[in-house]
Amino acid sequence: MIRPFNPFVLKLEAASKLLNAREKNFSNVEFTGITHNDSDVQPGDLFIALPGAKVHGGEFINSAIAKGAVAVLTDLAGEAFSTSLPTLVVSDAREAGAQLASHFYRDPIRDMQSIGITGTNGKTTVSTLLYQLFAGAGRESGLIGTVETRIGSDRIKSERTTPEAANLQALAATMRERHVRNLVMEVSSHALDLDRMVGSHFDFVGFTNLTQDHLDYHLDMESYFKVKAKLFTHEYADMGFINIDDKYGARLFAEAPINTISLSRLNPKATWHYTEINPTSAGVEFTIRGKDGVLIESRTSMHGGFNLDNLLLAVAIAYESGVDPLEITNLIPNLSGAPGRLQAVNLGQSFKALVDYAHSPDAVENVLQAVREFTPGRVIAVLGCGGNRDATKRPLMGNALTQGSDIALFTSDNPRNEDPKAILDAMVGAQAVSAPSKVILDRAEAIAYAVEIATAGDTVIVLGKGHESGQEINGVTTDFDDRIQLAEAIEVKQ
C-alpha cells in the first residue's frame, strides 16, 4: 500500500461524529493511517473490517492488532468478532470507510484536475492516452488503472482496476504530495457498486461503451448500466464526455444530470467527431472537429474503429483540460496504446504476432475486425474464457472468435476453480470445429500451434489475458505471460 510521506492524524471522536457511528470500547485515540487489509497495517492505523465475498474482515482484526492497529471500523456483522480495541460500528462499513478515507486524507482527488474513465472496453487505453498527452504537454501526472499505477515517471503494478477506498485515497494523497497536476484513473463498475468511489469527485468523467460483461455480478445489462451511470451524477463529477455511437452511451447522454459533451466517430451532430478517416498501411490519418470549432488533423499507428473512439475521447478531455490543440495534434502520432492492447511481439518473423486483452464478445469482434484490416494473409486467433465469471458470454465469445478469424483456436484462460474442458465446451457450443481450427486445452500448446502454422503475411493474435503475467488454476497462480509464450514459440520456429 502506497502512503504519503507526510503523516496525517485524526482523533477517533472526530471520525465517529463524521460517520454518526455507534461506539464500542470507546477511547478517543489518534490514528495515523487507514487500511482494510491486515497485511498492510502499520502501527497507529485504524483497521476497516469489511464484509467480503467469502469471509468477513472481522476475522482479521487480531492480525491487525498484532501489527499495531489502534481502532476498528466495522458493520453489525463485524461487531460480533471479539476485540478490545475502540470500535466504530456503522450500518455500511464500505460506504463509511470510503467517506472516512477521503476525509482523513483531505479530499486529495479534488485537489488535482482529476478524470475518471468508465465503460466495458477501452478504459485502460483512454486513460493511458490521456496520461501520455498530459506528460507530453509537460504536466506531472498520475495514472491508476488495470495494468499499472503511475506517479509521474514511477511505475507500480496494479492489483485491481480501481483500488479499495482507503488505498485509493492514500495513493491520491501521495500524488498530491508529489505535485501531480492531472490524475487519470479507470473507474470499474465493481468500484462504483461497492462504494469505493464514495468521497471522490472528478472534474471530468468519460464513458466508452457498454457491452456484455460481468453479468455474473450485475446479473443483467440494465443493472450494469445503472451502476456505470452513477459516475455521471453530481456526487462524482462536474462534466461528462460520452460516446453516443454506443446505444447505452446515447441513453446516458440523454439522462445524465450533469453537463455532458457528445462524441461520435461519424455523427457530425456530436460536439466531437471525425470528419475524415483514411486508413493507411501504417495506421490511420484523420481529421477531428471539436468544441469551439477546434480542428485537429493528425495520424495514429493504432488500428481499428474502437481505437479511434478511444483516441477521440482522450483528445476531447485533454482539450477541455487545457492542453493546446496544436500540441495535441503534434503529440498524437507518438501515442501508443496500453500494454497488452494489440501489443506486438516482433522477433523478425515473417508474420505479425499480437497480444490483446479482449475478454468480452464485443471486444473480441472489434479486435479481430481491426486485425483483418492490416492482414493480407490469414488471421489465426487464440482465445479462452475465464472461470468463475460470466458464463453467458462464453458461447458469444466463441462465435466471435470463429466469425472473426480464419483459424480459431479455443483454449484455456484463467479457469480458476472451474473445469477447463467445461468452459471450452460452453465456448464451442454447437459450432463445428474443423482443422486447421482446434480445441487445445493447454494455453501454451495452443499458442505454440498458432505460431507453428503461421506463414508470411498471416497474423497470430492471442486474446483474453493481454498484460497479465499469471494463469490461475484451482486457486494457484503460476507465471504465464502471453507475450513471453509467443516470443518463445517464435524463437523455436526460427
Protein backbone atom coordinates (compact mmCIF):
# COMPACT_ATOMS: atom_id res chain seq x y z
CA MET A 1 0.00 0.00 0.00
CA ILE A 2 1.40 3.41 -1.03
CA ARG A 3 1.05 6.18 1.55
CA PRO A 4 2.06 9.85 1.73
CA PHE A 5 5.42 10.63 3.31
CA ASN A 6 3.97 13.39 5.49
CA PRO A 7 1.74 11.98 8.25
CA PHE A 8 -1.98 12.53 8.74
CA VAL A 9 -3.64 12.32 12.15
CA LEU A 10 -7.28 12.16 13.21
CA LYS A 11 -8.93 11.51 16.58
CA LEU A 12 -11.46 8.69 16.74
CA GLU A 13 -14.11 11.04 18.17
CA ALA A 14 -13.95 13.17 15.01
CA ALA A 15 -14.31 10.05 12.85
CA SER A 16 -17.24 8.88 14.95
CA LYS A 17 -19.07 12.19 14.52
CA LEU A 18 -18.38 12.25 10.78
CA LEU A 19 -19.86 8.78 10.33
CA ASN A 20 -22.55 9.03 13.02
CA ALA A 21 -21.19 5.75 14.32
CA ARG A 22 -22.08 3.72 17.37
CA GLU A 23 -19.10 3.50 19.72
CA LYS A 24 -17.83 0.36 21.45
CA ASN A 25 -14.90 0.16 23.90
CA PHE A 26 -14.54 3.83 23.09
CA SER A 27 -11.34 5.72 23.70
CA ASN A 28 -10.50 8.91 21.84
CA VAL A 29 -7.29 7.55 20.36
CA GLU A 30 -5.48 9.15 17.47
CA PHE A 31 -4.98 7.14 14.29
CA THR A 32 -2.39 7.91 11.64
CA GLY A 33 -3.47 5.68 8.77
CA ILE A 34 -6.39 3.64 7.41
CA THR A 35 -6.45 0.25 5.74
CA HIS A 36 -8.85 -2.62 5.08
CA ASN A 37 -6.03 -5.15 4.62
CA ASP A 38 -4.48 -6.60 7.77
CA SER A 39 -1.21 -7.27 5.93
CA ASP A 40 -0.90 -3.52 5.22
CA VAL A 41 -1.48 -2.41 8.81
CA GLN A 42 1.13 -0.08 10.28
CA PRO A 43 1.35 0.95 13.95
CA GLY A 44 -1.26 3.61 14.65
CA ASP A 45 -3.70 2.54 11.92
CA LEU A 46 -7.46 2.30 12.01
CA PHE A 47 -8.46 -1.08 10.58
CA ILE A 48 -11.63 -1.29 8.46
CA ALA A 49 -13.21 -4.73 8.78
CA LEU A 50 -15.27 -5.06 5.60
CA PRO A 51 -17.73 -7.76 4.55
CA GLY A 52 -16.16 -9.95 1.86
CA ALA A 53 -17.42 -12.37 -0.74
CA LYS A 54 -16.19 -15.36 1.28
CA VAL A 55 -15.20 -14.15 4.75
CA HIS A 56 -15.74 -11.05 6.85
CA GLY A 57 -12.82 -8.76 7.56
CA GLY A 58 -13.61 -9.15 11.25
CA GLU A 59 -11.71 -12.43 11.10
CA PHE A 60 -8.51 -10.46 10.59
CA ILE A 61 -8.92 -8.00 13.48
CA ASN A 62 -6.49 -9.90 15.73
CA SER A 63 -3.90 -9.90 12.96
CA ALA A 64 -4.39 -6.14 12.58
CA ILE A 65 -3.98 -5.68 16.35
CA ALA A 66 -0.74 -7.67 16.29
CA LYS A 67 0.61 -5.27 13.69
CA GLY A 68 -0.31 -2.17 15.66
CA ALA A 69 -3.87 -1.19 14.79
CA VAL A 70 -5.35 1.15 17.42
CA ALA A 71 -9.02 1.20 16.36
CA VAL A 72 -11.57 -0.62 14.21
CA LEU A 73 -14.36 0.49 11.89
CA THR A 74 -16.85 -2.23 11.00
CA ASP A 75 -20.51 -3.11 10.47
CA LEU A 76 -23.01 -5.08 12.56
CA ALA A 77 -21.61 -8.42 11.37
CA GLY A 78 -18.09 -7.31 12.16
CA GLU A 79 -19.09 -6.26 15.66
CA ALA A 80 -19.58 -9.94 16.51
CA PHE A 81 -15.84 -10.54 16.32
CA SER A 82 -14.26 -10.02 19.71
CA THR A 83 -11.85 -7.13 20.14
CA SER A 84 -10.72 -4.89 22.95
CA LEU A 85 -9.90 -2.05 20.56
CA PRO A 86 -12.03 1.08 20.35
CA THR A 87 -14.56 0.27 17.65
CA LEU A 88 -16.89 2.33 15.47
CA VAL A 89 -19.94 0.40 14.28
CA VAL A 90 -21.90 1.56 11.21
CA SER A 91 -24.58 0.02 9.02
CA ASP A 92 -22.42 0.09 5.87
CA ALA A 93 -18.69 -0.22 6.51
CA ARG A 94 -17.79 0.14 2.84
CA GLU A 95 -19.51 3.47 2.37
CA ALA A 96 -18.39 4.77 5.76
CA GLY A 97 -14.81 3.61 5.20
CA ALA A 98 -14.65 5.39 1.85
CA GLN A 99 -16.10 8.56 3.32
CA LEU A 100 -13.64 8.45 6.22
CA ALA A 101 -10.64 7.79 3.96
CA SER A 102 -11.46 10.79 1.77
CA HIS A 103 -11.92 12.99 4.83
CA PHE A 104 -8.77 11.68 6.54
CA TYR A 105 -6.58 12.48 3.52
CA ARG A 106 -8.41 15.79 2.97
CA ASP A 107 -10.09 15.08 -0.36
CA PRO A 108 -6.94 14.62 -2.47
CA ILE A 109 -8.77 13.79 -5.71
CA ARG A 110 -10.46 17.20 -5.59
CA ASP A 111 -7.06 18.91 -5.26
CA MET A 112 -5.90 17.71 -8.69
CA GLN A 113 -7.50 18.07 -12.08
CA SER A 114 -8.97 14.60 -11.97
CA ILE A 115 -10.51 12.43 -14.68
CA GLY A 116 -12.39 9.14 -14.30
CA ILE A 117 -12.95 6.81 -17.24
CA THR A 118 -15.57 4.05 -17.24
CA GLY A 119 -17.10 1.62 -19.74
CA THR A 120 -16.80 -2.06 -20.59
CA ASN A 121 -13.93 -1.77 -23.06
CA GLY A 122 -11.37 0.96 -23.68
CA LYS A 123 -10.89 2.30 -20.14
CA THR A 124 -7.23 1.36 -19.99
CA THR A 125 -6.42 2.68 -23.46
CA VAL A 126 -8.20 6.02 -22.95
CA SER A 127 -6.54 6.50 -19.56
CA THR A 128 -3.12 5.65 -20.98
CA LEU A 129 -3.57 8.00 -23.94
CA LEU A 130 -4.61 10.84 -21.62
CA TYR A 131 -1.64 10.19 -19.34
CA GLN A 132 0.66 10.34 -22.38
CA LEU A 133 -0.94 13.55 -23.62
CA PHE A 134 -0.54 15.24 -20.24
CA ALA A 135 3.03 14.02 -19.89
CA GLY A 136 3.82 15.21 -23.42
CA ALA A 137 2.39 18.60 -22.53
CA GLY A 138 4.82 18.81 -19.62
CA ARG A 139 2.34 18.15 -16.83
CA GLU A 140 3.28 15.98 -13.85
CA SER A 141 0.55 13.36 -13.98
CA GLY A 142 -0.79 10.28 -12.22
CA LEU A 143 -2.44 7.17 -13.62
CA ILE A 144 -4.48 4.50 -11.82
CA GLY A 145 -5.71 1.54 -13.82
CA THR A 146 -5.86 -2.13 -14.67
CA VAL A 147 -2.28 -2.53 -15.85
CA GLU A 148 -0.30 -0.16 -13.70
CA THR A 149 -0.28 2.85 -11.43
CA ARG A 150 2.00 5.77 -12.27
CA ILE A 151 3.08 8.66 -10.12
CA GLY A 152 4.95 10.84 -12.56
CA SER A 153 7.57 8.50 -14.03
CA ASP A 154 7.33 5.94 -11.20
CA ARG A 155 5.50 2.73 -12.10
CA ILE A 156 3.73 0.35 -9.74
CA LYS A 157 1.92 -2.82 -10.81
CA SER A 158 -1.81 -2.57 -10.11
CA GLU A 159 -3.68 -5.21 -8.13
CA ARG A 160 -7.12 -4.30 -9.47
CA THR A 161 -8.64 -1.77 -11.87
CA THR A 162 -9.88 0.57 -9.12
CA PRO A 163 -8.30 0.23 -5.65
CA GLU A 164 -10.27 -0.13 -2.43
CA ALA A 165 -11.20 3.27 -1.00
CA ALA A 166 -8.51 3.53 1.71
CA ASN A 167 -5.78 2.57 -0.76
CA LEU A 168 -7.18 4.91 -3.43
CA GLN A 169 -7.28 7.97 -1.17
CA ALA A 170 -3.79 7.27 0.22
CA LEU A 171 -2.48 6.90 -3.31
CA ALA A 172 -4.14 10.14 -4.44
CA ALA A 173 -2.74 11.92 -1.38
CA THR A 174 0.72 10.68 -2.31
CA MET A 175 0.26 12.04 -5.83
CA ARG A 176 -0.84 15.40 -4.46
CA GLU A 177 2.18 15.44 -2.16
CA ARG A 178 4.42 14.88 -5.21
CA HIS A 179 2.79 17.82 -7.02
CA VAL A 180 0.86 15.77 -9.55
CA ARG A 181 -1.30 18.12 -11.60
CA ASN A 182 -3.51 15.68 -13.51
CA LEU A 183 -4.90 12.37 -12.25
CA VAL A 184 -6.40 9.94 -14.75
CA MET A 185 -7.99 6.77 -13.45
CA GLU A 186 -10.17 3.88 -14.53
CA VAL A 187 -13.43 3.50 -12.63
CA SER A 188 -14.84 -0.01 -12.69
CA SER A 189 -18.47 -0.96 -12.19
CA HIS A 190 -17.46 -3.03 -9.17
CA ALA A 191 -15.82 0.04 -7.60
CA LEU A 192 -18.99 2.08 -8.08
CA ASP A 193 -21.28 -0.66 -6.81
CA LEU A 194 -19.10 -1.43 -3.78
CA ASP A 195 -18.84 2.26 -2.83
CA ARG A 196 -15.07 2.54 -3.32
CA MET A 197 -15.66 5.89 -5.04
CA VAL A 198 -17.66 7.47 -2.21
CA GLY A 199 -15.93 10.73 -1.26
CA SER A 200 -14.24 11.08 -4.65
CA HIS A 201 -15.16 13.77 -7.14
CA PHE A 202 -13.84 14.29 -10.68
CA ASP A 203 -13.58 17.35 -12.88
CA PHE A 204 -14.33 15.19 -15.92
CA VAL A 205 -15.62 11.66 -16.46
CA GLY A 206 -15.67 9.68 -19.71
CA PHE A 207 -17.85 6.84 -20.99
CA THR A 208 -16.51 4.49 -23.69
CA ASN A 209 -19.21 1.85 -24.24
CA LEU A 210 -21.27 -0.80 -22.51
CA THR A 211 -21.33 -4.37 -23.78
CA GLN A 212 -21.95 -7.73 -22.17
CA ASP A 213 -19.52 -8.49 -19.36
CA HIS A 214 -19.60 -9.04 -15.60
CA LEU A 215 -23.17 -10.35 -15.66
CA ASP A 216 -22.13 -12.94 -13.09
CA TYR A 217 -22.02 -9.93 -10.76
CA HIS A 218 -24.56 -7.45 -12.16
CA LEU A 219 -26.99 -10.16 -13.40
CA ASP A 220 -28.44 -8.09 -16.28
CA MET A 221 -27.45 -5.22 -18.57
CA GLU A 222 -29.91 -2.77 -17.01
CA SER A 223 -28.29 -3.16 -13.60
CA TYR A 224 -24.85 -2.94 -15.18
CA PHE A 225 -25.82 0.31 -16.93
CA LYS A 226 -27.31 1.88 -13.82
CA VAL A 227 -24.12 1.24 -11.86
CA LYS A 228 -21.99 2.85 -14.58
CA ALA A 229 -24.39 5.80 -14.78
CA LYS A 230 -23.74 6.63 -11.11
CA LEU A 231 -20.40 8.16 -12.14
CA PHE A 232 -22.26 10.74 -14.24
CA THR A 233 -24.01 12.38 -11.30
CA HIS A 234 -23.23 15.48 -9.27
CA GLU A 235 -21.92 13.29 -6.45
CA TYR A 236 -19.00 12.17 -8.54
CA ALA A 237 -18.38 14.59 -11.40
CA ASP A 238 -18.75 18.08 -12.86
CA MET A 239 -18.77 17.20 -16.59
CA GLY A 240 -19.14 14.05 -18.66
CA PHE A 241 -17.83 13.03 -22.10
CA ILE A 242 -19.93 10.31 -23.69
CA ASN A 243 -19.59 8.18 -26.83
CA ILE A 244 -23.08 8.40 -28.30
CA ASP A 245 -22.38 5.79 -31.00
CA ASP A 246 -22.92 3.26 -28.23
CA LYS A 247 -26.62 2.71 -27.51
CA TYR A 248 -26.09 2.91 -23.78
CA GLY A 249 -23.93 5.97 -24.31
CA ALA A 250 -26.76 7.66 -26.20
CA ARG A 251 -29.09 6.86 -23.32
CA LEU A 252 -26.61 8.12 -20.74
CA PHE A 253 -26.14 11.34 -22.72
CA ALA A 254 -29.90 11.91 -22.63
CA GLU A 255 -30.37 11.02 -18.95
CA ALA A 256 -27.24 12.21 -17.11
CA PRO A 257 -27.96 15.08 -14.68
CA ILE A 258 -24.51 16.67 -15.10
CA ASN A 259 -23.29 18.69 -18.09
CA THR A 260 -22.31 16.31 -20.88
CA ILE A 261 -20.41 16.53 -24.16
CA SER A 262 -21.13 14.12 -27.01
CA LEU A 263 -18.58 12.23 -29.09
CA SER A 264 -19.04 10.19 -32.25
CA ARG A 265 -16.86 8.57 -34.86
CA LEU A 266 -19.20 9.56 -37.69
CA ASN A 267 -22.15 11.61 -36.44
CA PRO A 268 -21.44 15.27 -37.31
CA LYS A 269 -24.03 16.42 -34.77
CA ALA A 270 -21.80 15.30 -31.91
CA THR A 271 -19.65 18.02 -30.35
CA TRP A 272 -16.53 15.97 -31.08
CA HIS A 273 -16.48 13.85 -34.24
CA TYR A 274 -14.31 12.73 -37.12
CA THR A 275 -14.76 14.45 -40.46
CA GLU A 276 -12.19 12.29 -42.26
CA ILE A 277 -10.83 8.80 -41.58
CA ASN A 278 -8.28 7.44 -44.05
CA PRO A 279 -6.73 4.04 -43.22
CA THR A 280 -3.14 3.57 -44.36
CA SER A 281 -0.67 0.69 -44.10
CA ALA A 282 0.88 2.46 -41.11
CA GLY A 283 -2.39 3.21 -39.30
CA VAL A 284 -4.95 5.97 -39.86
CA GLU A 285 -4.86 9.59 -40.99
CA PHE A 286 -7.81 11.61 -39.73
CA THR A 287 -9.42 14.96 -39.05
CA ILE A 288 -11.32 15.74 -35.85
CA ARG A 289 -13.76 18.58 -35.40
CA GLY A 290 -14.40 19.56 -31.81
CA LYS A 291 -15.65 22.10 -29.33
CA ASP A 292 -15.12 25.80 -30.14
CA GLY A 293 -14.56 24.88 -33.79
CA VAL A 294 -11.27 23.12 -32.99
CA LEU A 295 -9.82 21.24 -35.96
CA ILE A 296 -7.19 18.56 -35.39
CA GLU A 297 -5.52 16.88 -38.37
CA SER A 298 -3.15 14.10 -37.42
CA ARG A 299 -2.31 10.40 -37.78
CA THR A 300 -2.05 7.39 -35.50
CA SER A 301 -0.42 3.99 -35.73
CA MET A 302 -3.30 2.44 -33.77
CA HIS A 303 -5.70 0.34 -35.80
CA GLY A 304 -9.44 -0.30 -35.51
CA GLY A 305 -12.54 1.79 -35.10
CA PHE A 306 -12.60 1.14 -31.37
CA ASN A 307 -9.17 2.76 -31.05
CA LEU A 308 -10.41 5.80 -32.95
CA ASP A 309 -13.21 6.01 -30.39
CA ASN A 310 -10.67 5.77 -27.56
CA LEU A 311 -8.47 8.43 -29.13
CA LEU A 312 -11.38 10.82 -29.70
CA LEU A 313 -12.36 10.60 -26.04
CA ALA A 314 -8.80 11.23 -24.89
CA VAL A 315 -8.41 14.20 -27.24
CA ALA A 316 -11.69 15.82 -26.17
CA ILE A 317 -10.87 15.54 -22.47
CA ALA A 318 -7.29 16.74 -22.98
CA TYR A 319 -8.60 19.84 -24.76
CA GLU A 320 -11.13 20.55 -22.01
CA SER A 321 -8.28 20.11 -19.51
CA GLY A 322 -6.42 22.97 -21.15
CA VAL A 323 -3.94 21.23 -23.45
CA ASP A 324 -3.40 23.34 -26.57
CA PRO A 325 -4.95 21.71 -29.69
CA LEU A 326 -1.76 22.30 -31.68
CA GLU A 327 0.17 20.46 -29.01
CA ILE A 328 -2.38 17.65 -29.09
CA THR A 329 -2.00 17.42 -32.87
CA ASN A 330 1.76 17.10 -32.59
CA LEU A 331 1.61 14.56 -29.77
CA ILE A 332 -0.91 12.14 -31.31
CA PRO A 333 1.46 10.37 -33.77
CA ASN A 334 3.68 9.34 -30.85
CA LEU A 335 0.88 7.99 -28.66
CA SER A 336 0.80 4.25 -28.08
CA GLY A 337 -1.88 2.02 -26.68
CA ALA A 338 -1.75 0.42 -23.26
CA PRO A 339 0.38 -2.69 -22.62
CA GLY A 340 -1.39 -5.85 -23.74
CA ARG A 341 -3.69 -3.99 -26.13
CA LEU A 342 -2.85 -5.04 -29.70
CA GLN A 343 0.72 -5.29 -28.43
CA ALA A 344 3.18 -6.63 -31.00
CA VAL A 345 5.76 -9.34 -30.37
CA ASN A 346 8.39 -8.95 -33.06
CA LEU A 347 11.45 -11.15 -33.38
CA GLY A 348 11.88 -10.57 -37.10
CA GLN A 349 9.38 -13.28 -38.10
CA SER A 350 7.55 -13.15 -41.44
CA PHE A 351 4.11 -12.87 -39.80
CA LYS A 352 2.64 -10.49 -37.25
CA ALA A 353 2.23 -11.66 -33.66
CA LEU A 354 -0.04 -9.72 -31.29
CA VAL A 355 -1.46 -9.94 -27.79
CA ASP A 356 -4.72 -8.31 -26.72
CA TYR A 357 -6.78 -8.15 -23.54
CA ALA A 358 -10.15 -8.62 -25.32
CA HIS A 359 -12.31 -10.70 -22.97
CA SER A 360 -15.88 -9.79 -23.93
CA PRO A 361 -17.83 -10.68 -27.10
CA ASP A 362 -17.81 -7.12 -28.39
CA ALA A 363 -14.10 -6.67 -27.72
CA VAL A 364 -13.19 -9.93 -29.48
CA GLU A 365 -15.28 -8.95 -32.50
CA ASN A 366 -13.79 -5.45 -32.71
CA VAL A 367 -10.18 -6.53 -32.26
CA LEU A 368 -10.40 -9.27 -34.89
CA GLN A 369 -12.05 -6.83 -37.29
CA ALA A 370 -9.17 -4.41 -36.74
CA VAL A 371 -6.60 -7.15 -37.31
CA ARG A 372 -8.31 -8.11 -40.55
CA GLU A 373 -7.73 -4.59 -41.87
CA PHE A 374 -3.95 -4.96 -41.94
CA THR A 375 -3.58 -8.71 -42.52
CA PRO A 376 -3.06 -9.80 -46.15
CA GLY A 377 -2.93 -13.46 -45.13
CA ARG A 378 -4.82 -15.46 -42.53
CA VAL A 379 -5.95 -14.33 -39.09
CA ILE A 380 -5.03 -17.05 -36.59
CA ALA A 381 -6.66 -16.32 -33.24
CA VAL A 382 -6.24 -17.95 -29.83
CA LEU A 383 -8.92 -17.36 -27.18
CA GLY A 384 -10.16 -18.72 -23.87
CA CYS A 385 -12.74 -17.65 -21.28
CA GLY A 386 -12.08 -17.16 -17.58
CA GLY A 387 -13.60 -19.45 -14.99
CA ASN A 388 -15.88 -18.29 -12.16
CA ARG A 389 -17.01 -15.34 -14.26
CA ASP A 390 -19.96 -14.50 -16.53
CA ALA A 391 -20.74 -17.84 -18.18
CA THR A 392 -23.39 -16.42 -20.52
CA LYS A 393 -20.77 -14.66 -22.63
CA ARG A 394 -18.78 -17.83 -23.41
CA PRO A 395 -20.73 -19.02 -26.49
CA LEU A 396 -20.88 -15.41 -27.72
CA MET A 397 -17.10 -15.09 -27.43
CA GLY A 398 -16.64 -18.45 -29.12
CA ASN A 399 -18.84 -17.36 -32.01
CA ALA A 400 -16.97 -14.04 -32.30
CA LEU A 401 -13.70 -15.98 -32.45
CA THR A 402 -14.92 -18.22 -35.26
CA GLN A 403 -16.54 -15.41 -37.25
CA GLY A 404 -13.56 -13.07 -36.96
CA SER A 405 -10.70 -15.43 -37.72
CA ASP A 406 -9.61 -17.82 -40.44
CA ILE A 407 -8.22 -20.29 -37.92
CA ALA A 408 -9.88 -20.36 -34.48
CA LEU A 409 -8.01 -21.93 -31.57
CA PHE A 410 -10.09 -22.47 -28.44
CA THR A 411 -8.04 -22.80 -25.26
CA SER A 412 -7.92 -22.08 -21.52
CA ASP A 413 -7.68 -18.61 -20.00
CA ASN A 414 -7.78 -18.49 -16.19
CA PRO A 415 -10.02 -21.49 -15.40
CA ARG A 416 -9.78 -20.69 -11.68
CA ASN A 417 -11.92 -23.27 -9.87
CA GLU A 418 -13.88 -24.48 -12.90
CA ASP A 419 -13.22 -27.45 -15.17
CA PRO A 420 -11.31 -26.03 -18.19
CA LYS A 421 -12.95 -28.55 -20.51
CA ALA A 422 -16.43 -27.49 -19.42
CA ILE A 423 -15.54 -23.86 -20.15
CA LEU A 424 -14.32 -24.81 -23.62
CA ASP A 425 -17.43 -26.88 -24.29
CA ALA A 426 -19.53 -23.79 -23.48
CA MET A 427 -17.37 -21.63 -25.76
CA VAL A 428 -17.64 -24.02 -28.69
CA GLY A 429 -21.34 -24.68 -28.19
CA ALA A 430 -22.98 -26.05 -31.30
CA GLN A 431 -20.16 -24.94 -33.60
CA ALA A 432 -18.26 -27.50 -35.62
CA VAL A 433 -14.52 -27.01 -35.10
CA SER A 434 -12.66 -28.49 -38.05
CA ALA A 435 -8.95 -28.45 -38.94
CA PRO A 436 -6.91 -26.37 -39.03
CA SER A 437 -9.04 -24.80 -36.25
CA LYS A 438 -8.72 -26.72 -32.99
CA VAL A 439 -9.65 -27.02 -29.34
CA ILE A 440 -6.39 -27.19 -27.37
CA LEU A 441 -6.79 -27.30 -23.60
CA ASP A 442 -3.27 -26.16 -22.73
CA ARG A 443 -2.80 -22.45 -23.50
CA ALA A 444 0.95 -22.72 -24.13
CA GLU A 445 0.35 -25.54 -26.61
CA ALA A 446 -2.35 -23.51 -28.37
CA ILE A 447 -0.01 -20.53 -28.75
CA ALA A 448 2.81 -22.77 -30.00
CA TYR A 449 0.47 -24.37 -32.55
CA ALA A 450 -0.69 -20.97 -33.81
CA VAL A 451 2.91 -19.92 -34.38
CA GLU A 452 3.81 -23.25 -35.95
CA ILE A 453 1.16 -22.97 -38.69
CA ALA A 454 1.67 -19.24 -39.37
CA THR A 455 3.21 -18.23 -42.67
CA ALA A 456 4.29 -14.95 -44.27
CA GLY A 457 1.50 -12.36 -44.27
CA ASP A 458 -0.52 -14.04 -41.51
CA THR A 459 -1.33 -12.53 -38.13
CA VAL A 460 -1.29 -14.58 -34.95
CA ILE A 461 -3.27 -12.89 -32.18
CA VAL A 462 -3.62 -14.24 -28.65
CA LEU A 463 -6.69 -12.83 -26.91
CA GLY A 464 -8.02 -12.59 -23.39
CA LYS A 465 -5.14 -12.05 -20.98
CA GLY A 466 -3.23 -9.15 -22.50
CA HIS A 467 -0.86 -7.67 -19.92
CA GLU A 468 -1.49 -10.40 -17.33
CA SER A 469 1.57 -12.31 -16.16
CA GLY A 470 -0.06 -15.29 -14.46
CA GLN A 471 -2.59 -18.07 -15.01
CA GLU A 472 -4.89 -19.15 -12.18
CA ILE A 473 -5.81 -22.83 -11.95
CA ASN A 474 -7.51 -24.29 -8.86
CA GLY A 475 -6.52 -21.36 -6.68
CA VAL A 476 -2.86 -21.44 -7.71
CA THR A 477 -1.42 -18.71 -9.94
CA THR A 478 1.64 -19.67 -11.95
CA ASP A 479 3.78 -17.44 -14.16
CA PHE A 480 2.24 -17.15 -17.61
CA ASP A 481 2.58 -14.20 -19.97
CA ASP A 482 1.12 -14.46 -23.48
CA ARG A 483 3.83 -12.13 -24.77
CA ILE A 484 6.59 -14.37 -23.43
CA GLN A 485 4.85 -17.52 -24.68
CA LEU A 486 4.55 -16.00 -28.14
CA ALA A 487 8.20 -14.94 -28.19
CA GLU A 488 9.39 -18.36 -27.07
CA ALA A 489 7.26 -20.10 -29.71
CA ILE A 490 8.62 -17.80 -32.42
CA GLU A 491 12.20 -18.48 -31.28
CA VAL A 492 11.60 -22.25 -31.51
CA LYS A 493 10.19 -21.87 -35.03
CA GLN A 494 13.09 -19.75 -36.22
